[in-house]
Amino acid sequence: MTATGAAGKPGAFERGITALTQYAEREGRVVVPRAHIEDTPHGPVRLGTWISNTRSRRERLSAQQREQLAALGIDWTTA
């Protein structure tokens, strides 16, 4: 299950996952500079900020969202 916004567009978390997946495939890592903006099919994503915010709000993430991030290589124990 994925959350979508108005008109069936992906929500903020899904846009972040798309951007992080794209970045990881291209760069071979998930360490993203804070100011980095990733261009995606859904528009630009402030990926560095998104990761920082997601880490600080990790208690509010669903198990599925945490699993998605872990599958991409985000290690919450060292965050």
C-alpha atoms as a PDB file:
ATOM      1  CA  MET A   1       0.000   0.000   0.000  1.00  0.00           C
ATOM      2  CA  THR A   2       1.347   3.409  -0.928  1.00  0.00           C
ATOM      3  CA  ALA A   3      -0.026   6.783   0.027  1.00  0.00           C
ATOM      4  CA  THR A   4      -1.021   9.120  -2.730  1.00  0.00           C
ATOM      5  CA  GLY A   5      -1.980  12.733  -2.709  1.00  0.00           C
ATOM      6  CA  ALA A   6      -4.518  14.637  -4.774  1.00  0.00           C
ATOM      7  CA  ALA A   7      -5.330  13.289  -8.226  1.00  0.00           C
ATOM      8  CA  GLY A   8      -3.492  10.019  -7.508  1.00  0.00           C
ATOM      9  CA  LYS A   9      -0.072  11.661  -7.446  1.00  0.00           C
ATOM     10  CA  PRO A  10       2.551  10.126  -5.154  1.00  0.00           C
ATOM     11  CA  GLY A  11       2.760  11.508  -1.629  1.00  0.00           C
ATOM     12  CA  ALA A  12       5.862  13.082  -0.119  1.00  0.00           C
ATOM     13  CA  PHE A  13       7.240   9.794   1.189  1.00  0.00           C
ATOM     14  CA  GLU A  14       6.852   8.071  -2.187  1.00  0.00           C
ATOM     15  CA  ARG A  15       8.505  11.002  -3.984  1.00  0.00           C
ATOM     16  CA  GLY A  16      11.375  10.782  -1.497  1.00  0.00           C
ATOM     17  CA  ILE A  17      11.749   7.039  -2.035  1.00  0.00           C
ATOM     18  CA  THR A  18      11.753   7.563  -5.807  1.00  0.00           C
ATOM     19  CA  ALA A  19      14.426  10.247  -5.503  1.00  0.00           C
ATOM     20  CA  LEU A  20      16.542   8.187  -3.100  1.00  0.00           C
ATOM     21  CA  THR A  21      16.293   5.093  -5.310  1.00  0.00           C
ATOM     22  CA  GLN A  22      17.351   7.110  -8.342  1.00  0.00           C
ATOM     23  CA  TYR A  23      20.233   8.730  -6.443  1.00  0.00           C
ATOM     24  CA  ALA A  24      21.442   5.408  -4.994  1.00  0.00           C
ATOM     25  CA  GLU A  25      21.402   3.722  -8.407  1.00  0.00           C
ATOM     26  CA  ARG A  26      23.409   6.557  -9.960  1.00  0.00           C
ATOM     27  CA  GLU A  27      25.834   7.293  -7.093  1.00  0.00           C
ATOM     28  CA  GLY A  28      26.117   3.833  -5.526  1.00  0.00           C
ATOM     29  CA  ARG A  29      25.451   5.192  -2.023  1.00  0.00           C
ATOM     30  CA  VAL A  30      22.699   6.727   0.096  1.00  0.00           C
ATOM     31  CA  VAL A  31      24.788   9.406   1.784  1.00  0.00           C
ATOM     32  CA  VAL A  32      23.255  12.538   0.307  1.00  0.00           C
ATOM     33  CA  PRO A  33      24.513  16.109   0.812  1.00  0.00           C
ATOM     34  CA  ARG A  34      21.974  18.178   2.765  1.00  0.00           C
ATOM     35  CA  ALA A  35      21.504  20.700  -0.076  1.00  0.00           C
ATOM     36  CA  HIS A  36      21.113  18.095  -2.857  1.00  0.00           C
ATOM     37  CA  ILE A  37      18.026  18.347  -5.059  1.00  0.00           C
ATOM     38  CA  GLU A  38      17.158  15.278  -7.131  1.00  0.00           C
ATOM     39  CA  ASP A  39      15.140  15.684 -10.337  1.00  0.00           C
ATOM     40  CA  THR A  40      12.477  12.973 -10.629  1.00  0.00           C
ATOM     41  CA  PRO A  41       9.617  12.273 -13.036  1.00  0.00           C
ATOM     42  CA  HIS A  42       7.322  13.956 -10.473  1.00  0.00           C
ATOM     43  CA  GLY A  43       9.477  17.064 -10.183  1.00  0.00           C
ATOM     44  CA  PRO A  44      12.461  18.079  -8.056  1.00  0.00           C
ATOM     45  CA  VAL A  45      12.855  16.603  -4.564  1.00  0.00           C
ATOM     46  CA  ARG A  46      15.030  18.256  -1.911  1.00  0.00           C
ATOM     47  CA  LEU A  47      16.512  14.864  -1.163  1.00  0.00           C
ATOM     48  CA  GLY A  48      19.074  15.866   1.452  1.00  0.00           C
ATOM     49  CA  THR A  49      16.420  17.706   3.431  1.00  0.00           C
ATOM     50  CA  TRP A  50      13.924  14.866   2.975  1.00  0.00           C
ATOM     51  CA  ILE A  51      16.385  12.323   4.396  1.00  0.00           C
ATOM     52  CA  SER A  52      17.213  14.559   7.345  1.00  0.00           C
ATOM     53  CA  ASN A  53      13.537  15.144   8.116  1.00  0.00           C
ATOM     54  CA  THR A  54      12.690  11.469   7.672  1.00  0.00           C
ATOM     55  CA  ARG A  55      15.464  10.448  10.078  1.00  0.00           C
ATOM     56  CA  SER A  56      14.274  12.917  12.711  1.00  0.00           C
ATOM     57  CA  ARG A  57      10.692  11.659  12.365  1.00  0.00           C
ATOM     58  CA  ARG A  58      11.493   7.956  12.089  1.00  0.00           C
ATOM     59  CA  GLU A  59       9.284   7.064  15.081  1.00  0.00           C
ATOM     60  CA  ARG A  60       6.265   8.125  13.014  1.00  0.00           C
ATOM     61  CA  LEU A  61       7.132   5.945  10.013  1.00  0.00           C
ATOM     62  CA  SER A  62       5.180   2.777   9.381  1.00  0.00           C
ATOM     63  CA  ALA A  63       6.970  -0.565   9.435  1.00  0.00           C
ATOM     64  CA  GLN A  64       6.581  -0.712   5.654  1.00  0.00           C
ATOM     65  CA  GLN A  65       8.198   2.699   5.220  1.00  0.00           C
ATOM     66  CA  ARG A  66      11.114   1.708   7.476  1.00  0.00           C
ATOM     67  CA  GLU A  67      11.511  -1.495   5.451  1.00  0.00           C
ATOM     68  CA  GLN A  68      11.610   0.494   2.198  1.00  0.00           C
ATOM     69  CA  LEU A  69      14.341   2.730   3.582  1.00  0.00           C
ATOM     70  CA  ALA A  70      16.307  -0.229   4.978  1.00  0.00           C
ATOM     71  CA  ALA A  71      16.117  -1.969   1.588  1.00  0.00           C
ATOM     72  CA  LEU A  72      17.788   1.091   0.053  1.00  0.00           C
ATOM     73  CA  GLY A  73      20.570   1.031   2.647  1.00  0.00           C
ATOM     74  CA  ILE A  74      19.414   3.555   5.234  1.00  0.00           C
ATOM     75  CA  ASP A  75      20.815   2.316   8.554  1.00  0.00           C
ATOM     76  CA  TRP A  76      18.769   3.893  11.347  1.00  0.00           C
ATOM     77  CA  THR A  77      21.065   2.571  14.083  1.00  0.00           C
ATOM     78  CA  THR A  78      23.862   4.869  12.913  1.00  0.00           C
ATOM     79  CA  ALA A  79      21.638   7.777  11.957  1.00  0.00           C
END
